[in-house]
Amino acid sequence: MSRLFDADFEDDNEVKKEILLRPENFKEYIGQKRIVQNIDVMVTSAKMRNQSMDHVLLSGPPGLGKTSLAMIISKALESELHVISGPAIEKKGDLAAILTNLGPRDVLFIDEIHRMHVSVEEILYSAMEDYRLDIVIGDGAAARTMQIDIAPFTLIGATTRSGLLSNPLRDRFMAHLHFDFYQSDELAQIITNNAKKLKITVEEHATLKMAKCARGTPRIANRILRRVRDFAVVRESDLVTEEDVSKSLEMMEIDPNGLDRMDRKILEVIRDYYSGGPVGIEALCATLSEDRTTIEDVYEPYLLKEGFLIRTPRGREISEKAREILNA
């Protein structure tokens, strides 16, 4: 059973849709084989020792299955899952209240853990190592430390930018596991499995087309699948065709290379405003009227991976491959 602390997770319809398409166990989890093997060993060891599993840090671009894996870990451990996002923890008392409410061997999943304030983060140090809260009461000469024991628990931290974590916090995780983008065949298998959950049939060519346009990301693959499902429903058909996929991608403004409107805008701005680059990230963000974190965390990883964008000491440049696509 999961307990969700963050209001961002409380849209019932969206939560139900997301949970429906999430893998339920390690066997159903497609891709990230090295990570799954490591986690499987850690879970088995914890159950054999009858102790909480070691703390784990999951890093990588958004949408690659970090939350899904946390849910599977909790289920495999037969423990309760508590979910919170880093920015939602504003005060030390907020985190202290969460930690004191954890049961033995519960799993605490903190998404975007790199966005927690350092003063809040410090509470985790003794909690992770000694299962104890060190709370300072009073100020100045009258200040004293109160220690509160908490139940042994497992912390799973998820981050898109592990470099922003402080060294003291990062060092307290026993396993650091990095998620990579998925291959097209892995995404095709995910789409096939989830199509069955949605009770629709997808043509093979349609499946492959969705997989190739999903930017190596299961979340985007599921988003495209749900959109093409809508086309099939409107046509009163249980079969999703390649034409359905083409219409869905066109409406979502996703091209055959998996680039969406913002991806193309980034490349076009560098080409048209800065003669192809190099351009500094601050200047690029100002021209795009977009937040730096969004550019670096959401859009750049895929553009860099596919060779459309090049990062140099002087700034961002577009590649010849990008020029060919933009001029096509």
C-alpha atoms as a PDB file:
ATOM      1  CA  MET A   1       0.000   0.000   0.000  1.00  0.00           C
ATOM      2  CA  SER A   2       1.300   3.455  -0.868  1.00  0.00           C
ATOM      3  CA  ARG A   3       0.941   6.595   1.187  1.00  0.00           C
ATOM      4  CA  LEU A   4       1.270   9.779  -0.862  1.00  0.00           C
ATOM      5  CA  PHE A   5       2.255  12.920   1.041  1.00  0.00           C
ATOM      6  CA  ASP A   6       2.613  15.282  -1.924  1.00  0.00           C
ATOM      7  CA  ALA A   7      -0.456  17.041  -3.307  1.00  0.00           C
ATOM      8  CA  ASP A   8       1.056  16.719  -6.794  1.00  0.00           C
ATOM      9  CA  PHE A   9       0.221  13.019  -6.667  1.00  0.00           C
ATOM     10  CA  GLU A  10      -3.408  13.460  -5.650  1.00  0.00           C
ATOM     11  CA  ASP A  11      -5.188  13.812  -8.985  1.00  0.00           C
ATOM     12  CA  ASP A  12      -7.108  10.530  -8.701  1.00  0.00           C
ATOM     13  CA  ASN A  13      -7.752  10.033 -12.412  1.00  0.00           C
ATOM     14  CA  GLU A  14      -4.171  10.675 -13.426  1.00  0.00           C
ATOM     15  CA  VAL A  15      -2.816   8.521 -10.600  1.00  0.00           C
ATOM     16  CA  LYS A  16      -5.056   5.630 -11.599  1.00  0.00           C
ATOM     17  CA  LYS A  17      -3.990   5.900 -15.242  1.00  0.00           C
ATOM     18  CA  GLU A  18      -0.322   6.033 -14.320  1.00  0.00           C
ATOM     19  CA  ILE A  19      -0.582   3.113 -11.893  1.00  0.00           C
ATOM     20  CA  LEU A  20      -2.422   1.035 -14.507  1.00  0.00           C
ATOM     21  CA  LEU A  21       0.500   1.330 -16.914  1.00  0.00           C
ATOM     22  CA  ARG A  22       3.258   0.850 -14.349  1.00  0.00           C
ATOM     23  CA  PRO A  23       5.029  -2.541 -14.126  1.00  0.00           C
ATOM     24  CA  GLU A  24       3.991  -4.542 -11.066  1.00  0.00           C
ATOM     25  CA  ASN A  25       7.159  -6.557 -10.456  1.00  0.00           C
ATOM     26  CA  PHE A  26      10.770  -6.998 -11.530  1.00  0.00           C
ATOM     27  CA  LYS A  27       9.877  -9.472 -14.282  1.00  0.00           C
ATOM     28  CA  GLU A  28       7.426  -7.001 -15.805  1.00  0.00           C
ATOM     29  CA  TYR A  29       9.941  -4.134 -15.620  1.00  0.00           C
ATOM     30  CA  ILE A  30      11.416  -3.700 -19.114  1.00  0.00           C
ATOM     31  CA  GLY A  31      14.930  -2.299 -19.605  1.00  0.00           C
ATOM     32  CA  GLN A  32      17.536  -1.020 -17.119  1.00  0.00           C
ATOM     33  CA  LYS A  33      18.674  -4.631 -16.590  1.00  0.00           C
ATOM     34  CA  ARG A  34      21.787  -3.780 -14.577  1.00  0.00           C
ATOM     35  CA  ILE A  35      19.794  -1.627 -12.172  1.00  0.00           C
ATOM     36  CA  VAL A  36      17.020  -4.189 -11.763  1.00  0.00           C
ATOM     37  CA  GLN A  37      19.538  -6.962 -11.079  1.00  0.00           C
ATOM     38  CA  ASN A  38      21.250  -4.875  -8.403  1.00  0.00           C
ATOM     39  CA  ILE A  39      17.963  -3.950  -6.745  1.00  0.00           C
ATOM     40  CA  ASP A  40      16.692  -7.529  -6.873  1.00  0.00           C
ATOM     41  CA  VAL A  41      19.785  -8.728  -4.979  1.00  0.00           C
ATOM     42  CA  MET A  42      19.423  -5.935  -2.395  1.00  0.00           C
ATOM     43  CA  VAL A  43      15.734  -6.742  -1.829  1.00  0.00           C
ATOM     44  CA  THR A  44      16.395 -10.476  -1.500  1.00  0.00           C
ATOM     45  CA  SER A  45      19.247  -9.844   0.948  1.00  0.00           C
ATOM     46  CA  ALA A  46      17.109  -7.510   3.080  1.00  0.00           C
ATOM     47  CA  LYS A  47      14.291 -10.066   3.278  1.00  0.00           C
ATOM     48  CA  MET A  48      16.686 -12.866   4.207  1.00  0.00           C
ATOM     49  CA  ARG A  49      18.233 -10.692   6.937  1.00  0.00           C
ATOM     50  CA  ASN A  50      14.790  -9.486   8.029  1.00  0.00           C
ATOM     51  CA  GLN A  51      16.108  -5.917   7.992  1.00  0.00           C
ATOM     52  CA  SER A  52      15.458  -2.746   6.051  1.00  0.00           C
ATOM     53  CA  MET A  53      17.078  -2.502   2.622  1.00  0.00           C
ATOM     54  CA  ASP A  54      20.059  -0.191   2.178  1.00  0.00           C
ATOM     55  CA  HIS A  55      19.383   3.347   0.961  1.00  0.00           C
ATOM     56  CA  VAL A  56      19.420   3.839  -2.823  1.00  0.00           C
ATOM     57  CA  LEU A  57      19.944   6.887  -5.048  1.00  0.00           C
ATOM     58  CA  LEU A  58      18.332   6.702  -8.500  1.00  0.00           C
ATOM     59  CA  SER A  59      19.518   9.276 -11.019  1.00  0.00           C
ATOM     60  CA  GLY A  60      18.806  10.043 -14.655  1.00  0.00           C
ATOM     61  CA  PRO A  61      16.497  12.047 -16.949  1.00  0.00           C
ATOM     62  CA  PRO A  62      12.790  12.265 -16.041  1.00  0.00           C
ATOM     63  CA  GLY A  63      10.314   9.636 -17.207  1.00  0.00           C
ATOM     64  CA  LEU A  64      12.644   6.618 -17.208  1.00  0.00           C
ATOM     65  CA  GLY A  65      10.917   4.635 -14.438  1.00  0.00           C
ATOM     66  CA  LYS A  66      12.464   5.722 -11.149  1.00  0.00           C
ATOM     67  CA  THR A  67       9.106   6.078  -9.378  1.00  0.00           C
ATOM     68  CA  SER A  68       7.865   2.787 -10.845  1.00  0.00           C
ATOM     69  CA  LEU A  69      10.948   0.993  -9.563  1.00  0.00           C
ATOM     70  CA  ALA A  70      10.427   2.460  -6.080  1.00  0.00           C
ATOM     71  CA  MET A  71       6.879   1.086  -6.078  1.00  0.00           C
ATOM     72  CA  ILE A  72       8.137  -2.343  -7.128  1.00  0.00           C
ATOM     73  CA  ILE A  73      10.794  -2.302  -4.394  1.00  0.00           C
ATOM     74  CA  SER A  74       8.186  -1.482  -1.764  1.00  0.00           C
ATOM     75  CA  LYS A  75       5.908  -4.252  -3.024  1.00  0.00           C
ATOM     76  CA  ALA A  76       8.767  -6.786  -3.103  1.00  0.00           C
ATOM     77  CA  LEU A  77       9.744  -5.856   0.459  1.00  0.00           C
ATOM     78  CA  GLU A  78       6.084  -6.116   1.510  1.00  0.00           C
ATOM     79  CA  SER A  79       6.481  -2.639   3.007  1.00  0.00           C
ATOM     80  CA  GLU A  80       4.481   0.559   2.888  1.00  0.00           C
ATOM     81  CA  LEU A  81       5.626   3.188   0.405  1.00  0.00           C
ATOM     82  CA  HIS A  82       5.661   6.865   1.407  1.00  0.00           C
ATOM     83  CA  VAL A  83       6.092   9.345  -1.457  1.00  0.00           C
ATOM     84  CA  ILE A  84       7.107  12.998  -1.230  1.00  0.00           C
ATOM     85  CA  SER A  85       8.843  15.462  -3.540  1.00  0.00           C
ATOM     86  CA  GLY A  86      11.907  17.377  -2.377  1.00  0.00           C
ATOM     87  CA  PRO A  87      10.491  20.889  -2.989  1.00  0.00           C
ATOM     88  CA  ALA A  88       7.416  20.041  -0.886  1.00  0.00           C
ATOM     89  CA  ILE A  89       9.565  19.654   2.241  1.00  0.00           C
ATOM     90  CA  GLU A  90       9.904  23.287   3.287  1.00  0.00           C
ATOM     91  CA  LYS A  91      10.837  22.984   6.974  1.00  0.00           C
ATOM     92  CA  LYS A  92      12.796  20.612   9.175  1.00  0.00           C
ATOM     93  CA  GLY A  93       9.603  19.853  11.063  1.00  0.00           C
ATOM     94  CA  ASP A  94       7.919  18.618   7.872  1.00  0.00           C
ATOM     95  CA  LEU A  95      10.601  15.999   7.291  1.00  0.00           C
ATOM     96  CA  ALA A  96      10.807  15.115  10.987  1.00  0.00           C
ATOM     97  CA  ALA A  97       7.054  14.448  11.034  1.00  0.00           C
ATOM     98  CA  ILE A  98       7.348  12.138   8.021  1.00  0.00           C
ATOM     99  CA  LEU A  99      10.305  10.221   9.470  1.00  0.00           C
ATOM    100  CA  THR A 100       8.677   9.686  12.867  1.00  0.00           C
ATOM    101  CA  ASN A 101       5.571   8.260  11.173  1.00  0.00           C
ATOM    102  CA  LEU A 102       7.494   5.590   9.270  1.00  0.00           C
ATOM    103  CA  GLY A 103       6.943   1.984  10.270  1.00  0.00           C
ATOM    104  CA  PRO A 104       9.680  -0.679  10.511  1.00  0.00           C
ATOM    105  CA  ARG A 105      11.227  -1.393   7.089  1.00  0.00           C
ATOM    106  CA  ASP A 106       8.979   1.159   5.337  1.00  0.00           C
ATOM    107  CA  VAL A 107      10.202   2.771   2.103  1.00  0.00           C
ATOM    108  CA  LEU A 108      10.443   6.564   1.851  1.00  0.00           C
ATOM    109  CA  PHE A 109      10.683   7.788  -1.745  1.00  0.00           C
ATOM    110  CA  ILE A 110      11.833  11.406  -2.184  1.00  0.00           C
ATOM    111  CA  ASP A 111      11.510  12.628  -5.760  1.00  0.00           C
ATOM    112  CA  GLU A 112      13.705  15.530  -6.896  1.00  0.00           C
ATOM    113  CA  ILE A 113      15.749  15.047  -3.754  1.00  0.00           C
ATOM    114  CA  HIS A 114      18.369  17.490  -5.065  1.00  0.00           C
ATOM    115  CA  ARG A 115      15.844  20.323  -4.606  1.00  0.00           C
ATOM    116  CA  MET A 116      15.599  19.892  -0.831  1.00  0.00           C
ATOM    117  CA  HIS A 117      16.981  22.787   1.184  1.00  0.00           C
ATOM    118  CA  VAL A 118      20.338  22.021   2.819  1.00  0.00           C
ATOM    119  CA  SER A 119      19.010  22.847   6.288  1.00  0.00           C
ATOM    120  CA  VAL A 120      16.216  20.282   5.809  1.00  0.00           C
ATOM    121  CA  GLU A 121      18.568  17.753   4.279  1.00  0.00           C
ATOM    122  CA  GLU A 122      20.745  17.732   7.397  1.00  0.00           C
ATOM    123  CA  ILE A 123      17.978  15.920   9.315  1.00  0.00           C
ATOM    124  CA  LEU A 124      18.496  12.938   7.025  1.00  0.00           C
ATOM    125  CA  TYR A 125      22.129  12.393   7.999  1.00  0.00           C
ATOM    126  CA  SER A 126      21.570  10.771  11.391  1.00  0.00           C
ATOM    127  CA  ALA A 127      18.243   9.299  10.245  1.00  0.00           C
ATOM    128  CA  MET A 128      19.906   7.378   7.407  1.00  0.00           C
ATOM    129  CA  GLU A 129      22.927   6.204   9.409  1.00  0.00           C
ATOM    130  CA  ASP A 130      21.625   5.624  12.928  1.00  0.00           C
ATOM    131  CA  TYR A 131      17.810   5.731  12.507  1.00  0.00           C
ATOM    132  CA  ARG A 132      17.748   8.673  14.866  1.00  0.00           C
ATOM    133  CA  LEU A 133      16.629  12.293  14.702  1.00  0.00           C
ATOM    134  CA  ASP A 134      18.887  14.929  16.231  1.00  0.00           C
ATOM    135  CA  ILE A 135      16.753  17.992  16.937  1.00  0.00           C
ATOM    136  CA  VAL A 136      18.130  21.220  18.417  1.00  0.00           C
ATOM    137  CA  ILE A 137      15.793  22.902  20.893  1.00  0.00           C
ATOM    138  CA  GLY A 138      16.304  26.514  21.966  1.00  0.00           C
ATOM    139  CA  ASP A 139      18.866  29.097  20.913  1.00  0.00           C
ATOM    140  CA  GLY A 140      22.275  30.254  22.050  1.00  0.00           C
ATOM    141  CA  ALA A 141      23.600  29.050  25.393  1.00  0.00           C
ATOM    142  CA  ALA A 142      20.252  27.473  26.260  1.00  0.00           C
ATOM    143  CA  ALA A 143      20.233  25.282  23.158  1.00  0.00           C
ATOM    144  CA  ARG A 144      20.212  21.521  23.664  1.00  0.00           C
ATOM    145  CA  THR A 145      19.965  18.488  21.422  1.00  0.00           C
ATOM    146  CA  MET A 146      17.123  16.021  21.680  1.00  0.00           C
ATOM    147  CA  GLN A 147      17.446  12.580  20.120  1.00  0.00           C
ATOM    148  CA  ILE A 148      14.420  10.674  18.852  1.00  0.00           C
ATOM    149  CA  ASP A 149      14.703   7.069  17.677  1.00  0.00           C
ATOM    150  CA  ILE A 150      12.861   6.207  14.467  1.00  0.00           C
ATOM    151  CA  ALA A 151      12.023   2.900  12.840  1.00  0.00           C
ATOM    152  CA  PRO A 152      14.615   1.382  10.475  1.00  0.00           C
ATOM    153  CA  PHE A 153      13.577   2.437   6.974  1.00  0.00           C
ATOM    154  CA  THR A 154      14.803   2.550   3.390  1.00  0.00           C
ATOM    155  CA  LEU A 155      15.289   5.888   1.656  1.00  0.00           C
ATOM    156  CA  ILE A 156      15.049   5.920  -2.125  1.00  0.00           C
ATOM    157  CA  GLY A 157      16.100   9.256  -3.570  1.00  0.00           C
ATOM    158  CA  ALA A 158      15.371  10.164  -7.188  1.00  0.00           C
ATOM    159  CA  THR A 159      17.166  12.969  -8.972  1.00  0.00           C
ATOM    160  CA  THR A 160      17.637  14.291 -12.476  1.00  0.00           C
ATOM    161  CA  ARG A 161      20.774  16.152 -11.386  1.00  0.00           C
ATOM    162  CA  SER A 162      22.853  14.096  -8.972  1.00  0.00           C
ATOM    163  CA  GLY A 163      25.671  16.654  -9.145  1.00  0.00           C
ATOM    164  CA  LEU A 164      23.524  19.086  -7.154  1.00  0.00           C
ATOM    165  CA  LEU A 165      23.357  16.753  -4.149  1.00  0.00           C
ATOM    166  CA  SER A 166      25.661  17.672  -1.298  1.00  0.00           C
ATOM    167  CA  ASN A 167      28.514  15.240  -0.681  1.00  0.00           C
ATOM    168  CA  PRO A 168      27.374  14.350   2.873  1.00  0.00           C
ATOM    169  CA  LEU A 169      23.958  13.271   1.603  1.00  0.00           C
ATOM    170  CA  ARG A 170      25.237  11.477  -1.494  1.00  0.00           C
ATOM    171  CA  ASP A 171      27.773   9.485   0.550  1.00  0.00           C
ATOM    172  CA  ARG A 172      25.036   8.077   2.799  1.00  0.00           C
ATOM    173  CA  PHE A 173      23.416   6.176  -0.060  1.00  0.00           C
ATOM    174  CA  MET A 174      24.784   2.646  -0.263  1.00  0.00           C
ATOM    175  CA  ALA A 175      23.936   2.289  -3.970  1.00  0.00           C
ATOM    176  CA  HIS A 176      24.081   4.916  -6.729  1.00  0.00           C
ATOM    177  CA  LEU A 177      22.208   3.705  -9.828  1.00  0.00           C
ATOM    178  CA  HIS A 178      21.965   5.739 -13.037  1.00  0.00           C
ATOM    179  CA  PHE A 179      19.132   5.293 -15.541  1.00  0.00           C
ATOM    180  CA  ASP A 180      19.904   5.396 -19.274  1.00  0.00           C
ATOM    181  CA  PHE A 181      17.551   6.136 -22.154  1.00  0.00           C
ATOM    182  CA  TYR A 182      15.706   3.084 -23.507  1.00  0.00           C
ATOM    183  CA  GLN A 183      16.291   1.363 -26.825  1.00  0.00           C
ATOM    184  CA  SER A 184      13.475   1.299 -29.392  1.00  0.00           C
ATOM    185  CA  ASP A 185      12.927  -2.453 -28.979  1.00  0.00           C
ATOM    186  CA  GLU A 186      12.514  -2.013 -25.207  1.00  0.00           C
ATOM    187  CA  LEU A 187       9.990   0.786 -25.709  1.00  0.00           C
ATOM    188  CA  ALA A 188       8.132  -1.344 -28.258  1.00  0.00           C
ATOM    189  CA  GLN A 189       7.806  -4.108 -25.655  1.00  0.00           C
ATOM    190  CA  ILE A 190       6.546  -1.596 -23.060  1.00  0.00           C
ATOM    191  CA  ILE A 191       3.962  -0.278 -25.540  1.00  0.00           C
ATOM    192  CA  THR A 192       2.838  -3.832 -26.376  1.00  0.00           C
ATOM    193  CA  ASN A 193       2.445  -4.730 -22.695  1.00  0.00           C
ATOM    194  CA  ASN A 194       0.552  -1.548 -21.864  1.00  0.00           C
ATOM    195  CA  ALA A 195      -1.701  -1.853 -24.903  1.00  0.00           C
ATOM    196  CA  LYS A 196      -2.956  -5.110 -23.397  1.00  0.00           C
ATOM    197  CA  LYS A 197      -3.678  -3.303 -20.124  1.00  0.00           C
ATOM    198  CA  LEU A 198      -5.669  -0.708 -22.063  1.00  0.00           C
ATOM    199  CA  LYS A 199      -7.466  -3.565 -23.866  1.00  0.00           C
ATOM    200  CA  ILE A 200      -6.463  -2.487 -27.351  1.00  0.00           C
ATOM    201  CA  THR A 201      -4.500  -4.136 -30.154  1.00  0.00           C
ATOM    202  CA  VAL A 202      -1.707  -2.233 -31.883  1.00  0.00           C
ATOM    203  CA  GLU A 203      -0.344  -3.086 -35.328  1.00  0.00           C
ATOM    204  CA  GLU A 204       3.351  -3.975 -35.308  1.00  0.00           C
ATOM    205  CA  HIS A 205       4.328  -1.062 -37.556  1.00  0.00           C
ATOM    206  CA  ALA A 206       2.306   1.293 -35.361  1.00  0.00           C
ATOM    207  CA  THR A 207       4.113   0.009 -32.270  1.00  0.00           C
ATOM    208  CA  LEU A 208       7.533   0.525 -33.840  1.00  0.00           C
ATOM    209  CA  LYS A 209       6.611   4.029 -34.985  1.00  0.00           C
ATOM    210  CA  MET A 210       5.541   5.020 -31.479  1.00  0.00           C
ATOM    211  CA  ALA A 211       8.713   3.532 -30.017  1.00  0.00           C
ATOM    212  CA  LYS A 212      10.956   5.465 -32.398  1.00  0.00           C
ATOM    213  CA  CYS A 213       9.236   8.754 -31.552  1.00  0.00           C
ATOM    214  CA  ALA A 214       9.234   8.283 -27.759  1.00  0.00           C
ATOM    215  CA  ARG A 215      12.641   9.925 -27.148  1.00  0.00           C
ATOM    216  CA  GLY A 216      13.918   6.801 -25.384  1.00  0.00           C
ATOM    217  CA  THR A 217      11.471   7.515 -22.550  1.00  0.00           C
ATOM    218  CA  PRO A 218       8.699   5.156 -21.316  1.00  0.00           C
ATOM    219  CA  ARG A 219       6.610   8.062 -19.975  1.00  0.00           C
ATOM    220  CA  ILE A 220       6.451   9.604 -23.450  1.00  0.00           C
ATOM    221  CA  ALA A 221       5.751   6.199 -25.014  1.00  0.00           C
ATOM    222  CA  ASN A 222       2.781   5.773 -22.661  1.00  0.00           C
ATOM    223  CA  ARG A 223       1.582   9.297 -23.412  1.00  0.00           C
ATOM    224  CA  ILE A 224       1.614   8.586 -27.151  1.00  0.00           C
ATOM    225  CA  LEU A 225      -0.095   5.222 -26.612  1.00  0.00           C
ATOM    226  CA  ARG A 226      -2.929   6.834 -24.644  1.00  0.00           C
ATOM    227  CA  ARG A 227      -3.381   9.463 -27.359  1.00  0.00           C
ATOM    228  CA  VAL A 228      -3.556   6.894 -30.166  1.00  0.00           C
ATOM    229  CA  ARG A 229      -5.964   4.891 -28.017  1.00  0.00           C
ATOM    230  CA  ASP A 230      -8.250   7.931 -28.138  1.00  0.00           C
ATOM    231  CA  PHE A 231      -8.202   7.857 -31.945  1.00  0.00           C
ATOM    232  CA  ALA A 232      -9.099   4.175 -31.939  1.00  0.00           C
ATOM    233  CA  VAL A 233     -11.969   4.807 -29.503  1.00  0.00           C
ATOM    234  CA  VAL A 234     -13.340   7.613 -31.686  1.00  0.00           C
ATOM    235  CA  ARG A 235     -13.211   5.278 -34.695  1.00  0.00           C
ATOM    236  CA  GLU A 236     -14.963   2.648 -32.559  1.00  0.00           C
ATOM    237  CA  SER A 237     -12.130   0.235 -33.254  1.00  0.00           C
ATOM    238  CA  ASP A 238     -10.024  -1.952 -30.956  1.00  0.00           C
ATOM    239  CA  LEU A 239      -7.153  -1.880 -33.452  1.00  0.00           C
ATOM    240  CA  VAL A 240      -4.597   0.943 -33.448  1.00  0.00           C
ATOM    241  CA  THR A 241      -3.183   1.501 -36.924  1.00  0.00           C
ATOM    242  CA  GLU A 242      -0.120   3.317 -38.200  1.00  0.00           C
ATOM    243  CA  GLU A 243      -2.464   6.043 -39.450  1.00  0.00           C
ATOM    244  CA  ASP A 244      -3.755   6.552 -35.893  1.00  0.00           C
ATOM    245  CA  VAL A 245      -0.179   6.962 -34.698  1.00  0.00           C
ATOM    246  CA  SER A 246       0.630   9.477 -37.472  1.00  0.00           C
ATOM    247  CA  LYS A 247      -2.419  11.600 -36.621  1.00  0.00           C
ATOM    248  CA  SER A 248      -1.627  11.490 -32.909  1.00  0.00           C
ATOM    249  CA  LEU A 249       2.003  12.504 -33.441  1.00  0.00           C
ATOM    250  CA  GLU A 250       0.903  15.339 -35.709  1.00  0.00           C
ATOM    251  CA  MET A 251      -1.490  16.667 -33.060  1.00  0.00           C
ATOM    252  CA  MET A 252       1.192  16.323 -30.380  1.00  0.00           C
ATOM    253  CA  GLU A 253       3.643  18.144 -32.714  1.00  0.00           C
ATOM    254  CA  ILE A 254       6.135  15.282 -32.583  1.00  0.00           C
ATOM    255  CA  ASP A 255       8.140  14.615 -35.753  1.00  0.00           C
ATOM    256  CA  PRO A 256       9.509  11.242 -36.970  1.00  0.00           C
ATOM    257  CA  ASN A 257      12.765  11.904 -35.093  1.00  0.00           C
ATOM    258  CA  GLY A 258      10.939  12.227 -31.775  1.00  0.00           C
ATOM    259  CA  LEU A 259      11.473  16.009 -31.639  1.00  0.00           C
ATOM    260  CA  ASP A 260       8.579  18.035 -30.276  1.00  0.00           C
ATOM    261  CA  ARG A 261       7.802  21.717 -30.795  1.00  0.00           C
ATOM    262  CA  MET A 262      10.156  22.900 -28.025  1.00  0.00           C
ATOM    263  CA  ASP A 263      13.030  20.704 -29.227  1.00  0.00           C
ATOM    264  CA  ARG A 264      12.792  22.199 -32.702  1.00  0.00           C
ATOM    265  CA  LYS A 265      12.434  25.699 -31.276  1.00  0.00           C
ATOM    266  CA  ILE A 266      15.675  25.307 -29.313  1.00  0.00           C
ATOM    267  CA  LEU A 267      17.548  24.168 -32.414  1.00  0.00           C
ATOM    268  CA  GLU A 268      15.963  26.845 -34.608  1.00  0.00           C
ATOM    269  CA  VAL A 269      16.780  29.646 -32.145  1.00  0.00           C
ATOM    270  CA  ILE A 270      20.442  28.591 -32.047  1.00  0.00           C
ATOM    271  CA  ARG A 271      20.494  28.413 -35.852  1.00  0.00           C
ATOM    272  CA  ASP A 272      18.618  31.644 -36.612  1.00  0.00           C
ATOM    273  CA  TYR A 273      19.597  33.917 -33.708  1.00  0.00           C
ATOM    274  CA  TYR A 274      23.129  32.741 -33.014  1.00  0.00           C
ATOM    275  CA  SER A 275      24.311  31.451 -36.408  1.00  0.00           C
ATOM    276  CA  GLY A 276      24.351  27.872 -35.161  1.00  0.00           C
ATOM    277  CA  GLY A 277      26.247  28.694 -31.967  1.00  0.00           C
ATOM    278  CA  PRO A 278      28.040  28.587 -29.700  1.00  0.00           C
ATOM    279  CA  VAL A 279      25.631  30.360 -27.342  1.00  0.00           C
ATOM    280  CA  GLY A 280      25.643  30.516 -23.553  1.00  0.00           C
ATOM    281  CA  ILE A 281      22.823  28.830 -21.657  1.00  0.00           C
ATOM    282  CA  GLU A 282      21.660  32.090 -20.042  1.00  0.00           C
ATOM    283  CA  ALA A 283      21.350  33.849 -23.393  1.00  0.00           C
ATOM    284  CA  LEU A 284      19.549  30.847 -24.859  1.00  0.00           C
ATOM    285  CA  CYS A 285      17.064  30.723 -21.972  1.00  0.00           C
ATOM    286  CA  ALA A 286      16.412  34.458 -22.259  1.00  0.00           C
ATOM    287  CA  THR A 287      15.670  34.151 -25.965  1.00  0.00           C
ATOM    288  CA  LEU A 288      13.399  31.150 -25.427  1.00  0.00           C
ATOM    289  CA  SER A 289      11.743  32.681 -22.332  1.00  0.00           C
ATOM    290  CA  GLU A 290      12.267  29.333 -20.656  1.00  0.00           C
ATOM    291  CA  ASP A 291      13.693  28.266 -17.296  1.00  0.00           C
ATOM    292  CA  ARG A 292      17.290  27.010 -17.315  1.00  0.00           C
ATOM    293  CA  THR A 293      16.463  23.918 -15.267  1.00  0.00           C
ATOM    294  CA  THR A 294      13.754  22.905 -17.742  1.00  0.00           C
ATOM    295  CA  ILE A 295      16.124  23.271 -20.692  1.00  0.00           C
ATOM    296  CA  GLU A 296      18.935  21.330 -19.015  1.00  0.00           C
ATOM    297  CA  ASP A 297      16.831  18.581 -17.416  1.00  0.00           C
ATOM    298  CA  VAL A 298      13.987  18.006 -19.877  1.00  0.00           C
ATOM    299  CA  TYR A 299      15.146  18.892 -23.379  1.00  0.00           C
ATOM    300  CA  GLU A 300      18.934  18.838 -23.583  1.00  0.00           C
ATOM    301  CA  PRO A 301      19.575  15.197 -22.542  1.00  0.00           C
ATOM    302  CA  TYR A 302      17.757  13.784 -25.577  1.00  0.00           C
ATOM    303  CA  LEU A 303      19.134  16.396 -27.983  1.00  0.00           C
ATOM    304  CA  LEU A 304      22.656  15.630 -26.769  1.00  0.00           C
ATOM    305  CA  LYS A 305      22.147  11.874 -26.866  1.00  0.00           C
ATOM    306  CA  GLU A 306      20.885  11.947 -30.452  1.00  0.00           C
ATOM    307  CA  GLY A 307      23.655  14.280 -31.592  1.00  0.00           C
ATOM    308  CA  PHE A 308      21.420  17.237 -32.464  1.00  0.00           C
ATOM    309  CA  LEU A 309      23.080  19.509 -29.904  1.00  0.00           C
ATOM    310  CA  ILE A 310      26.723  19.914 -28.913  1.00  0.00           C
ATOM    311  CA  ARG A 311      27.900  21.359 -25.594  1.00  0.00           C
ATOM    312  CA  THR A 312      31.275  23.093 -25.709  1.00  0.00           C
ATOM    313  CA  PRO A 313      33.181  25.248 -23.183  1.00  0.00           C
ATOM    314  CA  ARG A 314      31.906  28.278 -25.093  1.00  0.00           C
ATOM    315  CA  GLY A 315      28.241  27.209 -25.115  1.00  0.00           C
ATOM    316  CA  ARG A 316      25.690  25.222 -27.136  1.00  0.00           C
ATOM    317  CA  GLU A 317      26.003  24.507 -30.858  1.00  0.00           C
ATOM    318  CA  ILE A 318      23.743  22.648 -33.260  1.00  0.00           C
ATOM    319  CA  SER A 319      25.215  19.769 -35.273  1.00  0.00           C
ATOM    320  CA  GLU A 320      25.142  19.114 -38.993  1.00  0.00           C
ATOM    321  CA  LYS A 321      22.582  16.402 -38.276  1.00  0.00           C
ATOM    322  CA  ALA A 322      20.298  19.033 -36.734  1.00  0.00           C
ATOM    323  CA  ARG A 323      20.777  21.377 -39.690  1.00  0.00           C
ATOM    324  CA  GLU A 324      19.755  18.640 -42.105  1.00  0.00           C
ATOM    325  CA  ILE A 325      16.577  17.916 -40.155  1.00  0.00           C
ATOM    326  CA  LEU A 326      15.634  21.581 -39.816  1.00  0.00           C
ATOM    327  CA  ASN A 327      16.173  22.178 -43.527  1.00  0.00           C
ATOM    328  CA  ALA A 328      14.246  19.073 -44.569  1.00  0.00           C
END
